[in-house]
Amino acid sequence: MFKRCTSNSRPPRRGRWRMRQRPFRGIASVEFAVCIPVLLVLTLGTIDLCSMLFLRESITLAAYEGARRGVGRGYTNNDATTRVLEFLDQRNIQHNGSSSVTFSSPGFDNADTLQNVTINVTVPCAGNLLVASGMFTDLTMTTSVTMRKEYENLDNN
């Protein structure tokens, strides 16, 4: 019924086992304190990089929308600029107004049929990124889209 302890089978010593566990708690705390700042920096850097990619794609789409508006018959640089600024406002992107949009020569005003026109959109990074870091405050992002004017504008004279 009861098993007797012999020299071959020893009962476990719980006191020593608990003594061995105590130093490992301190090591885990130190590892946690070292790893958390590294993980936070990586996370915030990833968020900042993704918001820069979103900003770049948004201004590329804004330039595309402006170029699509300008290539039609009767549309001018002002029409294209208005469309670009509308698109940027829809995406809550801060910009410098109409000075954010420039055109190649000739613009949509004077382009002949099937002549290439390039529209450039420039936006500051400051105020447009999710994480307000000091690294990108002085940077501006520029993109350009080139399209052919579908038909020459008719003179209304």
C-alpha atoms as a PDB file:
ATOM      1  CA  MET A   1       0.000   0.000   0.000  1.00  0.00           C
ATOM      2  CA  PHE A   2       2.619   2.542   0.955  1.00  0.00           C
ATOM      3  CA  LYS A   3       5.807   2.598  -0.961  1.00  0.00           C
ATOM      4  CA  ARG A   4       8.888   2.983   1.023  1.00  0.00           C
ATOM      5  CA  CYS A   5      11.644   5.357  -0.112  1.00  0.00           C
ATOM      6  CA  THR A   6      14.789   3.621  -1.034  1.00  0.00           C
ATOM      7  CA  SER A   7      18.112   5.085  -1.950  1.00  0.00           C
ATOM      8  CA  ASN A   8      17.285   4.791  -5.680  1.00  0.00           C
ATOM      9  CA  SER A   9      14.070   6.828  -5.560  1.00  0.00           C
ATOM     10  CA  ARG A  10      14.316  10.188  -3.871  1.00  0.00           C
ATOM     11  CA  PRO A  11      11.432  12.534  -3.255  1.00  0.00           C
ATOM     12  CA  PRO A  12      11.661  15.831  -5.172  1.00  0.00           C
ATOM     13  CA  ARG A  13      13.128  18.747  -3.298  1.00  0.00           C
ATOM     14  CA  ARG A  14      10.891  21.691  -3.855  1.00  0.00           C
ATOM     15  CA  GLY A  15      12.912  24.249  -1.982  1.00  0.00           C
ATOM     16  CA  ARG A  16      15.869  24.142  -4.352  1.00  0.00           C
ATOM     17  CA  TRP A  17      13.672  24.302  -7.429  1.00  0.00           C
ATOM     18  CA  ARG A  18      12.009  27.511  -6.224  1.00  0.00           C
ATOM     19  CA  MET A  19      15.370  29.032  -5.463  1.00  0.00           C
ATOM     20  CA  ARG A  20      16.450  28.414  -9.055  1.00  0.00           C
ATOM     21  CA  GLN A  21      13.391  30.191 -10.485  1.00  0.00           C
ATOM     22  CA  ARG A  22      13.901  33.519  -8.710  1.00  0.00           C
ATOM     23  CA  PRO A  23      16.943  34.799 -10.666  1.00  0.00           C
ATOM     24  CA  PHE A  24      15.186  34.136 -14.004  1.00  0.00           C
ATOM     25  CA  ARG A  25      12.407  36.580 -13.131  1.00  0.00           C
ATOM     26  CA  GLY A  26      14.931  39.409 -13.065  1.00  0.00           C
ATOM     27  CA  ILE A  27      16.419  38.369 -16.390  1.00  0.00           C
ATOM     28  CA  ALA A  28      12.988  38.400 -18.031  1.00  0.00           C
ATOM     29  CA  SER A  29      12.375  41.916 -16.720  1.00  0.00           C
ATOM     30  CA  VAL A  30      15.675  43.141 -18.144  1.00  0.00           C
ATOM     31  CA  GLU A  31      14.981  41.518 -21.517  1.00  0.00           C
ATOM     32  CA  PHE A  32      11.531  43.130 -21.558  1.00  0.00           C
ATOM     33  CA  ALA A  33      13.004  46.556 -20.743  1.00  0.00           C
ATOM     34  CA  VAL A  34      15.542  46.220 -23.565  1.00  0.00           C
ATOM     35  CA  CYS A  35      13.171  44.830 -26.210  1.00  0.00           C
ATOM     36  CA  ILE A  36      10.168  47.145 -25.746  1.00  0.00           C
ATOM     37  CA  PRO A  37      11.925  50.355 -26.948  1.00  0.00           C
ATOM     38  CA  VAL A  38      13.294  48.509 -29.984  1.00  0.00           C
ATOM     39  CA  LEU A  39       9.842  47.153 -30.862  1.00  0.00           C
ATOM     40  CA  LEU A  40       8.256  50.587 -30.398  1.00  0.00           C
ATOM     41  CA  VAL A  41      10.804  52.227 -32.719  1.00  0.00           C
ATOM     42  CA  LEU A  42      10.221  49.542 -35.357  1.00  0.00           C
ATOM     43  CA  THR A  43       6.450  49.922 -35.073  1.00  0.00           C
ATOM     44  CA  LEU A  44       6.479  53.715 -35.318  1.00  0.00           C
ATOM     45  CA  GLY A  45       8.959  53.580 -38.199  1.00  0.00           C
ATOM     46  CA  THR A  46       6.711  51.166 -40.074  1.00  0.00           C
ATOM     47  CA  ILE A  47       3.680  53.407 -39.530  1.00  0.00           C
ATOM     48  CA  ASP A  48       5.662  56.434 -40.750  1.00  0.00           C
ATOM     49  CA  LEU A  49       6.892  54.601 -43.839  1.00  0.00           C
ATOM     50  CA  CYS A  50       3.375  53.400 -44.695  1.00  0.00           C
ATOM     51  CA  SER A  51       1.961  56.908 -44.333  1.00  0.00           C
ATOM     52  CA  MET A  52       4.691  58.199 -46.694  1.00  0.00           C
ATOM     53  CA  LEU A  53       3.736  55.535 -49.233  1.00  0.00           C
ATOM     54  CA  PHE A  54       0.067  56.512 -48.885  1.00  0.00           C
ATOM     55  CA  LEU A  55       0.995  60.175 -49.410  1.00  0.00           C
ATOM     56  CA  ARG A  56       3.014  59.380 -52.521  1.00  0.00           C
ATOM     57  CA  GLU A  57       0.236  57.273 -54.041  1.00  0.00           C
ATOM     58  CA  SER A  58      -2.362  59.918 -53.185  1.00  0.00           C
ATOM     59  CA  ILE A  59      -0.505  62.722 -54.948  1.00  0.00           C
ATOM     60  CA  THR A  60       0.129  60.438 -57.929  1.00  0.00           C
ATOM     61  CA  LEU A  61      -3.611  59.781 -58.146  1.00  0.00           C
ATOM     62  CA  ALA A  62      -4.288  63.519 -57.772  1.00  0.00           C
ATOM     63  CA  ALA A  63      -1.939  64.258 -60.679  1.00  0.00           C
ATOM     64  CA  TYR A  64      -3.629  61.544 -62.740  1.00  0.00           C
ATOM     65  CA  GLU A  65      -7.088  62.953 -61.998  1.00  0.00           C
ATOM     66  CA  GLY A  66      -5.928  66.440 -62.962  1.00  0.00           C
ATOM     67  CA  ALA A  67      -4.366  65.180 -66.189  1.00  0.00           C
ATOM     68  CA  ARG A  68      -7.529  63.271 -67.080  1.00  0.00           C
ATOM     69  CA  ARG A  69      -9.526  66.456 -66.608  1.00  0.00           C
ATOM     70  CA  GLY A  70      -7.123  68.533 -68.702  1.00  0.00           C
ATOM     71  CA  VAL A  71      -6.785  66.285 -71.745  1.00  0.00           C
ATOM     72  CA  GLY A  72     -10.371  66.756 -72.918  1.00  0.00           C
ATOM     73  CA  ARG A  73     -11.441  69.375 -75.433  1.00  0.00           C
ATOM     74  CA  GLY A  74     -12.119  72.742 -73.883  1.00  0.00           C
ATOM     75  CA  TYR A  75     -10.366  72.034 -70.575  1.00  0.00           C
ATOM     76  CA  THR A  76      -7.516  74.238 -69.402  1.00  0.00           C
ATOM     77  CA  ASN A  77      -4.787  74.315 -66.778  1.00  0.00           C
ATOM     78  CA  ASN A  78      -7.234  75.895 -64.316  1.00  0.00           C
ATOM     79  CA  ASP A  79      -9.633  72.961 -64.699  1.00  0.00           C
ATOM     80  CA  ALA A  80      -6.829  70.476 -64.081  1.00  0.00           C
ATOM     81  CA  THR A  81      -5.566  72.451 -61.075  1.00  0.00           C
ATOM     82  CA  THR A  82      -9.060  72.585 -59.591  1.00  0.00           C
ATOM     83  CA  ARG A  83      -9.439  68.815 -59.927  1.00  0.00           C
ATOM     84  CA  VAL A  84      -6.049  68.164 -58.294  1.00  0.00           C
ATOM     85  CA  LEU A  85      -6.878  70.404 -55.326  1.00  0.00           C
ATOM     86  CA  GLU A  86     -10.329  68.801 -54.960  1.00  0.00           C
ATOM     87  CA  PHE A  87      -8.728  65.358 -54.836  1.00  0.00           C
ATOM     88  CA  LEU A  88      -6.122  66.444 -52.278  1.00  0.00           C
ATOM     89  CA  ASP A  89      -8.843  67.989 -50.117  1.00  0.00           C
ATOM     90  CA  GLN A  90     -10.914  64.794 -50.292  1.00  0.00           C
ATOM     91  CA  ARG A  91      -7.947  62.873 -48.876  1.00  0.00           C
ATOM     92  CA  ASN A  92      -7.231  65.561 -46.226  1.00  0.00           C
ATOM     93  CA  ILE A  93      -3.769  66.222 -47.628  1.00  0.00           C
ATOM     94  CA  GLN A  94      -2.326  69.601 -46.739  1.00  0.00           C
ATOM     95  CA  HIS A  95      -0.990  71.492 -49.745  1.00  0.00           C
ATOM     96  CA  ASN A  96       0.174  74.959 -50.774  1.00  0.00           C
ATOM     97  CA  GLY A  97      -2.869  75.785 -52.886  1.00  0.00           C
ATOM     98  CA  SER A  98      -2.508  76.271 -56.612  1.00  0.00           C
ATOM     99  CA  SER A  99       1.278  76.632 -56.267  1.00  0.00           C
ATOM    100  CA  SER A 100       1.360  72.862 -55.649  1.00  0.00           C
ATOM    101  CA  VAL A 101       0.466  72.210 -59.293  1.00  0.00           C
ATOM    102  CA  THR A 102       2.713  73.051 -62.263  1.00  0.00           C
ATOM    103  CA  PHE A 103       2.517  72.199 -65.948  1.00  0.00           C
ATOM    104  CA  SER A 104       5.035  71.554 -68.684  1.00  0.00           C
ATOM    105  CA  SER A 105       5.204  73.796 -71.688  1.00  0.00           C
ATOM    106  CA  PRO A 106       2.809  73.721 -73.462  1.00  0.00           C
ATOM    107  CA  GLY A 107       0.118  73.228 -70.862  1.00  0.00           C
ATOM    108  CA  PHE A 108      -3.419  72.094 -71.453  1.00  0.00           C
ATOM    109  CA  ASP A 109      -4.305  75.625 -72.568  1.00  0.00           C
ATOM    110  CA  ASN A 110      -2.198  75.617 -75.778  1.00  0.00           C
ATOM    111  CA  ALA A 111      -1.481  71.933 -76.485  1.00  0.00           C
ATOM    112  CA  ASP A 112      -2.175  70.609 -79.964  1.00  0.00           C
ATOM    113  CA  THR A 113      -3.975  67.328 -80.635  1.00  0.00           C
ATOM    114  CA  LEU A 114      -1.952  64.361 -79.285  1.00  0.00           C
ATOM    115  CA  GLN A 115       0.721  66.581 -77.776  1.00  0.00           C
ATOM    116  CA  ASN A 116       2.175  65.442 -74.437  1.00  0.00           C
ATOM    117  CA  VAL A 117       1.483  67.558 -71.360  1.00  0.00           C
ATOM    118  CA  THR A 118       3.081  66.854 -67.978  1.00  0.00           C
ATOM    119  CA  ILE A 119       1.437  67.858 -64.712  1.00  0.00           C
ATOM    120  CA  ASN A 120       3.574  68.040 -61.545  1.00  0.00           C
ATOM    121  CA  VAL A 121       2.114  67.961 -58.035  1.00  0.00           C
ATOM    122  CA  THR A 122       4.255  68.941 -55.039  1.00  0.00           C
ATOM    123  CA  VAL A 123       3.132  68.465 -51.430  1.00  0.00           C
ATOM    124  CA  PRO A 124       5.044  69.027 -48.160  1.00  0.00           C
ATOM    125  CA  CYS A 125       5.527  65.985 -45.917  1.00  0.00           C
ATOM    126  CA  ALA A 126       5.057  68.060 -42.765  1.00  0.00           C
ATOM    127  CA  GLY A 127       1.498  67.734 -41.523  1.00  0.00           C
ATOM    128  CA  ASN A 128       0.654  64.866 -43.866  1.00  0.00           C
ATOM    129  CA  LEU A 129       2.259  61.970 -41.984  1.00  0.00           C
ATOM    130  CA  LEU A 130       0.625  60.027 -39.147  1.00  0.00           C
ATOM    131  CA  VAL A 131       3.629  60.126 -36.828  1.00  0.00           C
ATOM    132  CA  ALA A 132       4.862  63.645 -36.228  1.00  0.00           C
ATOM    133  CA  SER A 133       8.580  62.948 -36.470  1.00  0.00           C
ATOM    134  CA  GLY A 134      11.200  65.602 -37.036  1.00  0.00           C
ATOM    135  CA  MET A 135      12.892  63.548 -39.747  1.00  0.00           C
ATOM    136  CA  PHE A 136      10.552  64.500 -42.581  1.00  0.00           C
ATOM    137  CA  THR A 137       9.465  68.048 -41.728  1.00  0.00           C
ATOM    138  CA  ASP A 138      11.585  69.738 -44.424  1.00  0.00           C
ATOM    139  CA  LEU A 139      10.875  67.221 -47.186  1.00  0.00           C
ATOM    140  CA  THR A 140       8.473  67.688 -50.046  1.00  0.00           C
ATOM    141  CA  MET A 141       7.090  64.962 -52.252  1.00  0.00           C
ATOM    142  CA  THR A 142       6.690  65.524 -55.995  1.00  0.00           C
ATOM    143  CA  THR A 143       5.109  63.361 -58.632  1.00  0.00           C
ATOM    144  CA  SER A 144       4.332  63.873 -62.298  1.00  0.00           C
ATOM    145  CA  VAL A 145       1.942  62.384 -64.836  1.00  0.00           C
ATOM    146  CA  THR A 146       2.210  62.808 -68.610  1.00  0.00           C
ATOM    147  CA  MET A 147      -0.794  62.474 -70.908  1.00  0.00           C
ATOM    148  CA  ARG A 148      -1.608  63.451 -74.481  1.00  0.00           C
ATOM    149  CA  LYS A 149      -4.117  66.151 -75.193  1.00  0.00           C
ATOM    150  CA  GLU A 150      -7.026  64.413 -76.922  1.00  0.00           C
ATOM    151  CA  TYR A 151      -8.135  67.349 -79.041  1.00  0.00           C
ATOM    152  CA  GLU A 152      -6.851  70.847 -79.503  1.00  0.00           C
ATOM    153  CA  ASN A 153      -8.962  73.473 -77.729  1.00  0.00           C
ATOM    154  CA  LEU A 154     -11.201  75.405 -80.087  1.00  0.00           C
ATOM    155  CA  ASP A 155     -10.992  79.180 -80.205  1.00  0.00           C
ATOM    156  CA  ASN A 156     -14.206  80.833 -79.127  1.00  0.00           C
ATOM    157  CA  ASN A 157     -13.616  83.943 -81.250  1.00  0.00           C
END
